[in-house]
N, C-alpha and C. Protein backbone atom coordinates (compact mmCIF):
# COMPACT_ATOMS: atom_id res chain seq x y z
N UNK A 1 13.43 6.25 8.51
CA UNK A 1 14.54 4.75 8.24
C UNK A 1 15.79 5.94 7.35
N UNK A 2 14.96 7.14 7.23
CA UNK A 2 16.37 7.96 6.30
C UNK A 2 16.64 7.23 4.46
N UNK A 3 15.21 6.00 4.13
CA UNK A 3 15.26 5.76 2.66
C UNK A 3 14.88 6.99 2.26
N UNK A 4 15.65 7.31 0.83
CA UNK A 4 15.77 7.97 -0.19
C UNK A 4 14.22 7.43 -1.25
N UNK A 5 13.00 6.91 -0.08
CA UNK A 5 12.29 6.96 -1.81
C UNK A 5 10.64 7.19 -0.55
N UNK A 6 9.47 7.38 -1.31
CA UNK A 6 8.47 7.60 -1.53
C UNK A 6 7.24 7.10 -2.30
N UNK A 7 6.52 6.88 -0.91
CA UNK A 7 4.96 6.21 -1.18
C UNK A 7 3.56 6.69 -1.96
N UNK A 8 2.90 6.75 -2.63
CA UNK A 8 1.78 6.94 -2.76
C UNK A 8 0.78 5.73 -2.41
N UNK A 9 -0.22 6.42 -2.71
CA UNK A 9 -1.66 5.26 -2.36
C UNK A 9 -2.54 5.66 -3.74
N UNK A 10 -2.56 4.66 -4.77
CA UNK A 10 -3.65 4.94 -5.66
C UNK A 10 -4.86 4.01 -5.27
N UNK A 11 -6.75 4.32 -6.16
CA UNK A 11 -6.86 2.69 -6.28
C UNK A 11 -7.76 2.76 -7.55
N UNK A 12 -8.33 1.67 -7.33
CA UNK A 12 -9.59 1.65 -8.53
C UNK A 12 -10.45 2.28 -8.31
N UNK A 13 -11.24 1.98 -7.41
CA UNK A 13 -12.92 2.18 -6.87
C UNK A 13 -13.28 3.44 -6.09
N UNK A 14 -13.28 4.47 -6.33
CA UNK A 14 -13.59 5.59 -5.11
C UNK A 14 -15.15 5.49 -4.98
N UNK A 15 -14.81 5.97 -4.09
CA UNK A 15 -16.52 5.97 -3.96
C UNK A 15 -17.70 5.66 -2.44
N UNK A 16 -18.48 5.22 -2.28
CA UNK A 16 -18.50 4.95 -1.03
C UNK A 16 -18.28 4.15 0.33
N UNK A 17 -17.62 3.00 -0.45
CA UNK A 17 -16.90 2.11 0.12
C UNK A 17 -15.25 3.03 1.18
N UNK A 18 -14.86 4.28 0.54
CA UNK A 18 -14.20 5.79 0.90
C UNK A 18 -14.68 6.22 2.37
N UNK A 19 -13.81 5.78 3.99
CA UNK A 19 -14.53 6.54 4.34
C UNK A 19 -13.93 8.07 4.54
N UNK A 20 -13.36 8.57 3.66
CA UNK A 20 -11.85 9.88 4.11
C UNK A 20 -11.13 9.29 3.57
N UNK A 21 -9.85 10.97 3.54
CA UNK A 21 -8.41 10.83 3.87
C UNK A 21 -8.23 8.84 3.47
N UNK A 22 -8.78 8.75 4.87
CA UNK A 22 -7.54 7.24 5.25
C UNK A 22 -8.30 6.60 6.01
N UNK A 23 -8.28 5.29 6.52
CA UNK A 23 -9.90 5.06 6.98
C UNK A 23 -9.10 4.79 8.63
N UNK A 24 -10.13 5.22 9.65
CA UNK A 24 -9.86 5.22 10.59
C UNK A 24 -8.90 3.82 11.77
N UNK A 25 -9.37 2.83 11.07
CA UNK A 25 -8.80 1.57 11.81
C UNK A 25 -7.34 1.62 11.41
N UNK A 26 -6.90 2.41 9.46
CA UNK A 26 -5.31 2.25 9.34
C UNK A 26 -4.78 3.52 10.11
N UNK A 27 -5.44 5.02 10.88
CA UNK A 27 -5.26 6.23 11.70
C UNK A 27 -4.52 5.01 12.74
N UNK A 28 -5.92 4.51 13.39
CA UNK A 28 -5.30 3.98 14.40
C UNK A 28 -3.93 3.18 14.60
N UNK A 29 -3.94 2.58 13.97
CA UNK A 29 -2.69 1.38 13.76
C UNK A 29 -1.39 2.50 13.50
N UNK A 30 -1.64 3.97 12.79
CA UNK A 30 -0.34 4.24 13.00
C UNK A 30 0.03 4.89 14.22
N UNK A 31 -1.17 6.12 14.75
CA UNK A 31 -1.24 6.61 16.04
C UNK A 31 -0.61 5.36 17.24
N UNK A 32 -0.91 4.16 17.04
CA UNK A 32 0.02 2.97 18.19
C UNK A 32 1.00 2.60 17.67
N UNK A 33 1.61 2.69 16.54
CA UNK A 33 2.90 2.76 15.80
C UNK A 33 3.91 4.30 16.42
N UNK A 34 3.05 5.34 16.76
CA UNK A 34 3.72 6.87 16.81
C UNK A 34 4.28 7.25 15.41
N UNK A 35 3.45 6.98 14.33
CA UNK A 35 3.45 7.64 13.02
C UNK A 35 2.45 9.00 13.71
N UNK A 36 2.90 9.40 13.23
CA UNK A 36 1.27 11.16 13.25
C UNK A 36 1.18 11.33 11.72
N UNK A 37 0.45 11.49 11.39
CA UNK A 37 0.04 12.18 10.04
C UNK A 37 0.15 13.34 9.81
N UNK A 38 0.23 13.36 8.57
CA UNK A 38 0.35 15.02 7.67
C UNK A 38 -0.70 15.96 9.00
N UNK A 39 -0.90 17.07 8.53
CA UNK A 39 -1.86 18.09 8.83
C UNK A 39 -2.86 17.87 7.50
N UNK A 40 -2.31 17.78 6.35
CA UNK A 40 -3.22 17.77 5.18
C UNK A 40 -2.98 16.66 4.53
N UNK A 41 -4.35 16.04 5.04
CA UNK A 41 -4.15 14.38 4.89
C UNK A 41 -5.31 14.46 3.22
N UNK A 42 -4.90 14.22 2.20
CA UNK A 42 -5.70 13.92 0.70
C UNK A 42 -6.43 12.91 0.55
N UNK A 43 -7.83 12.82 0.01
CA UNK A 43 -8.80 12.30 -1.14
C UNK A 43 -7.73 11.12 -0.88
N UNK A 44 -8.48 10.08 -1.38
CA UNK A 44 -7.79 8.96 -2.12
C UNK A 44 -8.03 9.35 -3.59
N UNK A 45 -6.89 8.82 -4.43
CA UNK A 45 -6.81 9.24 -5.72
C UNK A 45 -6.91 7.43 -6.38
N UNK A 46 -7.20 8.25 -7.98
CA UNK A 46 -7.27 6.98 -8.73
C UNK A 46 -5.80 6.58 -9.42
N UNK A 47 -5.74 5.08 -9.83
CA UNK A 47 -4.40 5.19 -10.79
C UNK A 47 -4.35 5.26 -11.84
N UNK A 48 -3.51 5.88 -12.28
CA UNK A 48 -3.28 6.22 -13.94
C UNK A 48 -2.21 5.52 -14.12
N UNK A 49 -2.24 4.70 -15.94
CA UNK A 49 -1.27 3.75 -16.37
C UNK A 49 0.12 4.82 -16.21
N UNK A 50 0.05 6.00 -16.31
CA UNK A 50 1.18 6.61 -16.41
C UNK A 50 1.80 6.06 -14.83
N UNK A 51 1.29 6.49 -13.97
CA UNK A 51 1.96 6.77 -12.76
C UNK A 51 2.42 5.11 -12.25
N UNK A 52 1.94 4.12 -12.78
CA UNK A 52 2.15 2.36 -12.51
C UNK A 52 3.30 2.14 -13.49
N UNK A 53 2.93 2.79 -14.83
CA UNK A 53 4.60 3.06 -15.70
C UNK A 53 5.90 3.99 -15.26
N UNK A 54 5.78 4.73 -14.13
CA UNK A 54 6.64 5.34 -14.00
C UNK A 54 7.44 5.27 -12.58
N UNK A 55 6.79 4.17 -11.98
CA UNK A 55 6.49 3.37 -10.24
C UNK A 55 8.56 2.48 -10.43
N UNK A 56 8.58 2.93 -9.57
CA UNK A 56 9.89 1.65 -9.60
C UNK A 56 9.09 0.36 -9.13
N UNK A 57 8.45 0.49 -7.85
CA UNK A 57 7.97 -0.63 -7.17
C UNK A 57 6.19 -0.45 -7.36
N UNK A 58 5.48 -1.11 -7.67
CA UNK A 58 4.03 -1.16 -7.60
C UNK A 58 3.60 -2.46 -6.49
N UNK A 59 2.62 -2.11 -5.20
CA UNK A 59 2.67 -3.44 -4.79
C UNK A 59 0.40 -3.41 -4.91
N UNK A 60 -0.28 -4.64 -4.88
CA UNK A 60 -1.42 -4.33 -4.44
C UNK A 60 -1.27 -5.41 -3.20
N UNK A 61 -2.47 -4.57 -2.50
CA UNK A 61 -2.69 -5.10 -1.15
C UNK A 61 -3.22 -6.62 -1.02
N UNK A 62 -4.31 -6.52 -2.07
CA UNK A 62 -5.44 -7.65 -1.62
C UNK A 62 -5.12 -8.29 -3.63
N UNK A 63 -4.21 -9.67 -3.65
CA UNK A 63 -4.29 -9.88 -4.89
C UNK A 63 -5.78 -10.14 -5.40
N UNK A 64 -6.04 -10.85 -5.31
CA UNK A 64 -7.62 -12.06 -5.27
C UNK A 64 -8.53 -10.61 -5.70
N UNK A 65 -8.32 -9.31 -4.97
CA UNK A 65 -9.27 -7.79 -5.38
C UNK A 65 -8.40 -7.33 -6.47
N UNK A 66 -7.11 -7.30 -6.91
CA UNK A 66 -6.36 -6.31 -7.77
C UNK A 66 -5.87 -6.74 -8.89
N UNK A 67 -5.86 -8.23 -9.07
CA UNK A 67 -4.86 -8.72 -9.89
C UNK A 67 -6.48 -8.39 -11.24
N UNK A 68 -7.45 -9.06 -10.80
CA UNK A 68 -8.81 -8.96 -11.77
C UNK A 68 -8.82 -7.48 -12.16
N UNK A 69 -8.84 -6.65 -11.86
CA UNK A 69 -8.59 -4.59 -12.12
C UNK A 69 -7.79 -4.80 -12.60
N UNK A 70 -6.92 -4.94 -12.09
CA UNK A 70 -5.23 -4.56 -13.00
C UNK A 70 -5.31 -4.93 -14.33
N UNK A 71 -6.20 -6.23 -14.89
CA UNK A 71 -6.45 -7.15 -15.95
C UNK A 71 -7.30 -6.26 -16.50
N UNK A 72 -8.35 -5.96 -15.98
CA UNK A 72 -9.54 -5.29 -16.46
C UNK A 72 -9.01 -3.93 -16.98
N UNK A 73 -8.39 -3.00 -16.34
CA UNK A 73 -7.50 -1.66 -16.64
C UNK A 73 -5.95 -1.80 -17.83
N UNK A 74 -5.35 -2.34 -17.19
CA UNK A 74 -4.05 -2.41 -17.78
C UNK A 74 -3.18 -3.70 -17.63
N UNK A 75 -3.73 -4.69 -18.73
CA UNK A 75 -3.38 -6.38 -18.82
C UNK A 75 -2.11 -6.32 -18.46
N UNK A 76 -1.08 -5.02 -19.97
CA UNK A 76 0.03 -5.51 -20.18
C UNK A 76 1.36 -5.15 -18.77
N UNK A 77 -0.07 -4.47 -18.38
CA UNK A 77 0.87 -3.95 -16.81
C UNK A 77 0.66 -4.86 -15.36
N UNK A 78 0.43 -6.12 -16.03
CA UNK A 78 -0.48 -6.41 -14.97
C UNK A 78 1.36 -7.56 -13.90
N UNK A 79 1.52 -8.28 -14.88
CA UNK A 79 3.41 -8.87 -13.87
C UNK A 79 4.38 -7.80 -13.21
N UNK A 80 3.50 -6.57 -13.57
CA UNK A 80 4.45 -5.41 -12.99
C UNK A 80 4.75 -5.15 -11.35
N UNK A 81 3.23 -5.80 -11.34
CA UNK A 81 2.64 -5.35 -10.03
C UNK A 81 3.20 -6.94 -9.00
N UNK A 82 3.14 -6.12 -7.39
CA UNK A 82 4.16 -7.21 -6.76
C UNK A 82 2.78 -7.84 -5.34
N UNK A 83 2.17 -8.20 -5.94
CA UNK A 83 0.58 -8.87 -5.20
C UNK A 83 0.75 -9.48 -3.55
N UNK A 84 0.18 -8.49 -2.99
CA UNK A 84 0.10 -9.22 -1.62
C UNK A 84 -1.11 -9.88 -1.16
N UNK A 85 -0.89 -10.77 -0.31
CA UNK A 85 -2.45 -11.37 0.07
C UNK A 85 -2.86 -10.82 1.85
N UNK A 86 -3.63 -9.72 1.43
CA UNK A 86 -3.81 -9.43 2.55
C UNK A 86 -5.24 -9.07 2.77
N UNK A 87 -6.20 -9.07 3.62
CA UNK A 87 -7.66 -9.34 3.19
C UNK A 87 -7.92 -7.57 3.45
N UNK A 88 -8.93 -7.21 2.77
CA UNK A 88 -9.70 -5.74 3.26
C UNK A 88 -10.59 -5.71 4.63
N UNK A 89 -11.16 -4.61 5.39
CA UNK A 89 -11.81 -4.95 6.29
C UNK A 89 -13.25 -5.84 6.02
N UNK A 90 -13.68 -5.82 3.96
CA UNK A 90 -14.41 -7.12 4.17
C UNK A 90 -14.38 -8.38 4.40
N UNK A 91 -13.36 -8.66 4.35
CA UNK A 91 -13.03 -9.83 4.95
C UNK A 91 -11.90 -10.20 5.98
N UNK A 92 -11.84 -9.39 6.70
CA UNK A 92 -11.07 -9.04 7.94
C UNK A 92 -11.33 -8.80 8.98
N UNK A 93 -11.11 -7.80 10.31
CA UNK A 93 -11.06 -7.39 11.16
C UNK A 93 -9.29 -6.38 11.19
N UNK A 94 -9.40 -5.53 11.39
CA UNK A 94 -8.46 -4.49 10.99
C UNK A 94 -7.08 -5.28 12.00
N UNK A 95 -7.91 -5.85 13.53
CA UNK A 95 -6.66 -6.37 14.71
C UNK A 95 -6.25 -7.24 13.42
N UNK A 96 -6.54 -8.57 12.88
CA UNK A 96 -6.14 -9.38 12.36
C UNK A 96 -4.94 -8.40 11.03
N UNK A 97 -6.02 -7.63 10.16
CA UNK A 97 -4.52 -7.22 8.64
C UNK A 97 -3.91 -6.75 8.96
N UNK A 98 -4.21 -5.76 10.16
CA UNK A 98 -2.89 -4.54 10.20
C UNK A 98 -1.35 -5.91 10.94
N UNK A 99 -1.50 -6.22 11.71
CA UNK A 99 -0.34 -7.11 12.05
C UNK A 99 0.14 -8.00 10.58
N UNK A 100 -0.86 -8.01 9.66
CA UNK A 100 -0.08 -8.94 8.35
C UNK A 100 0.46 -7.84 8.07
N UNK A 101 -0.09 -6.96 8.01
CA UNK A 101 -0.20 -5.28 6.60
C UNK A 101 1.40 -4.50 7.20
N UNK A 102 1.93 -4.64 8.43
CA UNK A 102 2.79 -4.64 9.02
C UNK A 102 4.31 -5.46 8.42
N UNK A 103 3.98 -6.34 9.08
CA UNK A 103 5.26 -7.62 8.61
C UNK A 103 5.59 -7.77 6.84
N UNK A 104 4.21 -7.10 6.74
CA UNK A 104 5.68 -7.27 4.32
C UNK A 104 5.99 -6.23 4.74
N UNK A 105 5.23 -4.62 5.34
CA UNK A 105 5.78 -3.69 4.92
C UNK A 105 7.33 -3.27 5.93
N UNK A 106 7.35 -4.33 6.88
CA UNK A 106 9.14 -4.49 7.60
C UNK A 106 9.85 -5.47 7.07
N UNK A 107 9.14 -5.88 6.36
CA UNK A 107 10.29 -6.75 4.64
C UNK A 107 10.54 -5.94 4.38
N UNK A 108 9.68 -5.26 3.83
CA UNK A 108 9.99 -4.04 2.87
C UNK A 108 10.91 -3.41 2.53
N UNK A 109 10.56 -2.51 4.02
CA UNK A 109 11.58 -1.47 4.18
C UNK A 109 13.23 -2.02 4.90
N UNK A 110 13.21 -3.48 5.05
CA UNK A 110 14.68 -4.41 5.29
C UNK A 110 15.00 -3.98 4.61
N UNK A 111 14.49 -4.23 2.92
CA UNK A 111 15.22 -4.67 1.27
C UNK A 111 15.54 -3.69 0.92
N UNK A 112 14.82 -2.70 1.46
CA UNK A 112 14.97 -1.39 0.83
C UNK A 112 16.51 -0.20 1.22
N UNK A 113 17.23 -1.10 2.74
CA UNK A 113 17.98 -0.18 3.60
C UNK A 113 19.29 -0.43 3.16
N UNK A 114 19.39 0.32 3.15
CA UNK A 114 21.40 0.18 1.72
C UNK A 114 22.33 -0.99 2.82
N UNK A 115 22.91 -1.47 2.39
CA UNK A 115 23.76 -2.65 3.25
C UNK A 115 24.87 -1.72 3.97
N UNK A 116 24.90 -1.67 5.22
CA UNK A 116 26.16 -1.06 5.84
C UNK A 116 27.60 -2.00 6.40
N UNK A 117 28.47 -1.82 6.94
CA UNK A 117 29.30 -2.13 6.76
C UNK A 117 29.24 -3.57 8.39
N UNK A 118 28.21 -3.20 8.92
CA UNK A 118 28.06 -4.31 10.28
C UNK A 118 27.13 -5.77 9.25
N UNK A 119 26.39 -4.90 8.65
CA UNK A 119 25.49 -6.43 7.22
C UNK A 119 26.22 -6.93 6.40
N UNK A 120 27.41 -6.87 6.51
CA UNK A 120 27.66 -7.45 4.82
C UNK A 120 28.05 -8.19 5.34
C-alpha cells in the first residue's frame, strides 16, 4: 500500500508450541492472498520492554491470553496495547480465525492510509 510503516511480531512464550519461523496456516493464508514471504524468514523473537516503549502501536491478537502476560511482565504498559480477540489454534480453526485477523488488519491499514482529496 506504500505506507511508511513497518510491523514486527514478538511473543511472550517461545518454545515447543512454535511451528518454526511462521505457522504453516499463516503461510498458506498469505499465499492465498498473493503475499509472498521473504526468502529469509526469521524465527520468533521474545518481546522486550524497550521495543514496547518505542513502538508507535502495539497490538496483541488475543486479549484473554496476552493481557495477563502483559500484566505479569510489563504492568506499566498494559494499557499501551490494543487488544484484539482473535483465537489461536488452541481455540479456533485457522479457517475461522484467519478471516477475523484479515478483517482487523484491513481496518487497521485503512486507518493508516493518508487522506486523499477523493476521500476528504
